[in-house]
Protein backbone atom coordinates (compact mmCIF):
# COMPACT_ATOMS: atom_id res chain seq x y z
CA PRO A 1 0.07 0.01 -0.03
CA PRO A 2 1.49 3.61 -0.83
CA LEU A 3 0.76 4.75 2.64
CA ALA A 4 1.52 1.92 4.72
CA LEU A 5 3.36 2.50 8.00
CA ASP A 6 6.09 0.08 8.94
CA LEU A 7 7.63 1.00 12.24
CA ARG A 8 9.91 -2.05 12.34
CA ARG A 9 11.84 -0.70 9.54
CA GLY A 10 12.06 2.72 10.72
CA SER A 11 10.15 3.97 7.58
CA VAL A 12 8.18 6.91 9.50
CA LEU A 13 10.35 9.32 7.10
CA ARG A 14 9.29 7.55 4.04
CA PHE A 15 5.49 7.70 5.35
CA VAL A 16 5.79 11.31 5.99
CA PHE A 17 7.60 11.99 2.58
CA ARG A 18 4.80 9.68 0.91
CA ALA A 19 1.89 11.62 2.58
CA TRP A 20 3.62 14.93 1.67
CA THR A 21 4.01 13.93 -1.77
CA VAL A 22 0.45 12.89 -2.15
CA TRP A 23 -0.60 16.23 -0.69
CA VAL A 24 1.36 18.32 -3.11
CA ALA A 25 0.19 16.28 -6.15
CA THR A 26 -3.35 16.70 -5.09
CA ARG A 27 -2.83 20.23 -4.72
CA ILE A 28 -1.10 20.81 -8.11
CA LEU A 29 -3.69 18.86 -9.68
CA ARG A 30 -6.69 20.94 -8.11
CA ASP A 31 -4.67 24.30 -9.07
CA VAL A 32 -4.16 23.11 -12.66
CA THR A 33 -7.67 21.96 -13.21
CA ALA A 34 -8.97 25.34 -11.63
CA ASN A 35 -6.83 27.43 -13.56
CA PRO A 36 -8.86 30.02 -15.17
CA VAL A 37 -6.52 30.91 -18.24
CA ARG A 38 -6.19 27.20 -18.90
CA ALA A 39 -10.04 26.81 -18.74
CA LYS A 40 -10.14 29.68 -21.23
CA ALA A 41 -7.86 28.22 -23.38
CA GLU A 42 -9.77 25.00 -23.55
CA ARG A 43 -13.07 26.55 -24.23
CA GLY A 44 -11.32 28.27 -27.45
CA ASP A 45 -11.59 31.84 -26.01
CA PRO A 46 -10.56 33.94 -28.94
CA ALA A 47 -8.33 36.15 -26.53
CA MET A 48 -6.35 33.52 -25.62
CA GLY A 49 -5.06 32.56 -29.05
CA LYS A 50 -4.67 29.10 -30.35
CA ASN A 51 -2.54 28.22 -27.17
CA ALA A 52 -2.54 29.37 -23.72
CA ALA A 53 1.26 29.02 -23.62
CA LYS A 54 1.48 31.56 -26.48
CA GLY A 55 -0.65 34.12 -24.68
CA VAL A 56 2.28 36.58 -24.51
CA THR A 57 3.72 36.96 -28.15
CA GLY A 58 6.34 38.83 -29.81
CA GLU A 59 8.38 38.54 -32.84
CA GLU A 60 11.82 37.19 -31.81
CA ILE A 61 13.61 35.81 -28.92
CA TRP A 62 17.50 35.79 -28.35
CA LEU A 63 18.27 32.14 -27.75
CA ASP A 64 22.11 30.85 -27.24
CA GLY A 65 23.47 33.89 -29.18
CA GLU A 66 21.08 33.82 -32.42
CA TRP A 67 17.62 35.77 -32.94
CA VAL A 68 14.92 33.02 -33.52
CA LYS A 69 11.20 33.60 -34.18
CA TRP A 70 8.99 33.62 -31.20
CA GLU A 71 7.27 30.31 -32.56
CA ASP A 72 10.61 28.63 -33.10
CA ALA A 73 12.17 29.21 -29.73
CA ASN A 74 11.60 25.74 -28.34
CA ILE A 75 13.55 23.46 -25.97
CA HIS A 76 13.74 19.68 -25.59
CA VAL A 77 11.53 18.00 -23.13
CA LEU A 78 14.87 16.62 -21.54
CA THR A 79 15.97 19.82 -20.54
CA HIS A 80 17.62 19.56 -17.31
CA THR A 81 16.04 22.64 -15.69
CA LEU A 82 12.66 21.51 -16.73
CA HIS A 83 13.08 18.32 -14.52
CA TYR A 84 15.26 19.87 -11.64
CA GLY A 85 14.35 23.44 -11.50
CA LEU A 86 17.97 24.69 -11.75
CA GLY A 87 17.88 27.91 -13.51
CA VAL A 88 18.20 31.57 -13.08
CA PHE A 89 16.40 34.77 -14.46
CA GLU A 90 15.73 38.26 -13.96
CA GLY A 91 12.62 40.23 -14.50
CA ILE A 92 13.22 43.87 -15.73
CA ARG A 93 10.85 46.42 -16.79
CA CYS A 94 11.21 49.16 -19.55
CA TYR A 95 9.27 52.33 -19.34
CA ALA A 96 8.29 54.55 -21.98
CA GLY A 97 8.99 58.13 -21.17
CA SER A 98 7.24 61.41 -21.72
CA ASP A 99 10.02 62.47 -23.99
CA GLY A 100 9.52 59.52 -26.33
CA ARG A 101 12.60 57.51 -25.01
CA SER A 102 12.38 54.39 -23.48
CA ALA A 103 14.34 53.59 -19.98
CA VAL A 104 15.32 50.22 -18.86
CA PHE A 105 15.25 50.11 -15.07
CA ARG A 106 18.65 49.10 -13.73
CA LEU A 107 19.74 46.94 -16.35
CA GLU A 108 23.33 46.69 -15.41
CA GLU A 109 22.44 45.95 -11.78
CA HIS A 110 19.95 42.97 -13.16
CA ILE A 111 22.37 41.33 -15.50
CA LYS A 112 25.05 41.53 -12.63
CA ARG A 113 22.56 39.74 -10.17
CA LEU A 114 21.71 37.27 -13.18
CA PHE A 115 25.63 36.37 -13.32
CA ASP A 116 25.91 36.16 -9.68
CA SER A 117 23.04 33.88 -9.43
CA ALA A 118 24.48 31.60 -11.94
CA LYS A 119 27.78 31.53 -10.13
CA ILE A 120 26.05 30.68 -6.87
CA ASN A 121 24.31 27.59 -8.73
CA LEU A 122 27.74 26.62 -10.38
CA MET A 123 26.30 27.67 -13.80
CA GLU A 124 28.82 29.39 -16.23
CA ILE A 125 27.11 31.74 -18.53
CA PRO A 126 28.98 31.20 -21.93
CA TYR A 127 28.06 35.04 -22.91
CA SER A 128 29.45 38.17 -21.44
CA ALA A 129 27.54 40.66 -19.12
CA ALA A 130 27.85 43.13 -22.08
CA GLU A 131 26.73 40.66 -24.74
CA LEU A 132 23.67 39.89 -22.52
CA GLU A 133 22.76 43.53 -21.92
CA GLU A 134 22.93 44.19 -25.67
CA ALA A 135 20.79 41.25 -26.48
CA THR A 136 18.30 42.53 -23.85
CA LEU A 137 17.93 46.05 -25.21
CA GLU A 138 17.92 44.58 -28.89
CA SER A 139 15.20 42.27 -27.79
CA LEU A 140 12.90 45.37 -27.05
CA ARG A 141 14.07 46.92 -30.58
CA ARG A 142 13.23 43.59 -32.47
CA ASN A 143 9.73 43.36 -30.87
CA HIS A 144 9.05 46.86 -31.34
CA LEU A 145 8.35 47.62 -27.64
CA ALA A 146 8.83 51.23 -26.17
CA GLU A 147 7.97 49.70 -23.04
CA GLY A 148 7.52 46.29 -21.60
CA TYR A 149 8.88 43.37 -19.71
CA ILE A 150 12.33 41.63 -20.22
CA ARG A 151 13.13 38.24 -19.04
CA PRO A 152 16.88 37.29 -19.50
CA LEU A 153 17.44 33.70 -18.23
CA ALA A 154 20.14 30.92 -18.00
CA PHE A 155 19.09 27.27 -17.95
CA ILE A 156 20.75 23.87 -18.04
CA GLY A 157 19.85 22.22 -21.26
CA ASP A 158 19.18 18.67 -22.42
CA GLY A 159 21.39 15.81 -21.93
CA PRO A 160 21.84 12.75 -19.96
CA PRO A 161 19.04 12.82 -17.23
CA GLY A 162 20.15 12.75 -13.71
CA LEU A 163 20.70 15.19 -10.80
CA HIS A 164 24.22 16.03 -11.85
CA PRO A 165 24.19 17.95 -15.30
CA ARG A 166 27.47 16.81 -16.14
CA ASP A 167 28.31 18.16 -19.64
CA ASN A 168 24.85 19.84 -20.46
CA ALA A 169 25.11 23.05 -21.95
CA VAL A 170 24.13 26.32 -20.23
CA ARG A 171 21.60 27.82 -22.42
CA VAL A 172 20.62 31.59 -22.38
CA ALA A 173 17.73 33.82 -23.71
CA ALA A 174 16.38 37.15 -23.69
CA ILE A 175 12.73 37.56 -24.14
CA ALA A 176 10.99 41.11 -24.23
CA SER A 177 7.16 41.30 -24.30
CA GLU A 178 4.27 43.51 -23.49
CA TRP A 179 3.13 43.40 -19.97
CA GLY A 180 0.63 45.68 -18.65
CA ARG A 181 1.28 47.58 -15.21
CA TYR A 182 2.07 45.29 -12.64
CA LEU A 183 -0.04 46.93 -10.01
CA GLY A 184 -2.87 48.50 -12.31
CA ASP A 185 -2.94 52.19 -13.44
CA GLN A 186 -3.68 53.21 -9.92
CA GLY A 187 -0.41 51.62 -8.60
CA ILE A 188 1.52 54.23 -10.68
CA ALA A 189 -0.78 57.26 -10.16
CA LYS A 190 -1.59 56.71 -6.28
CA GLY A 191 1.54 54.59 -5.45
CA ILE A 192 1.26 51.47 -3.47
């Protein structure tokens, strides 16, 4: 039985772990099935497009040093980060100024923190900070955004499965997309 408790073998920890796993799995399933975005996509809501995962769109994404079409920026299902969650990212806002120019909020500091996070996780990003900063800015230009949300990220790519990524390449992307005001219009006008 999946939740059998055998005290003779000291399996209390296994019992607790299994119970916790079942609890987490049921919460995840409940959250997924109650997800309104997913429900809209399944009903074929035109506002969601053909695929809920493509609800945010753009034209190009910088992936591993090359510009690829938005719809072609795919990764393999055996990507290490997908299985083990080892990856780093930053969320950066770009604001359109009243003078018609755009301003990226603390780009240099965000990119430095991305590299610091990667170092802590023993990931060596195969590009310089300057290259990633330029790719981040270019992602705004290529997607024709005066303001928006930018997500530079580094993750461990596909390769042999297992906890230790061994020789799996560290992959890097810079994505820029439209994203409304995080705290709504009132958050900007009245403060938070």
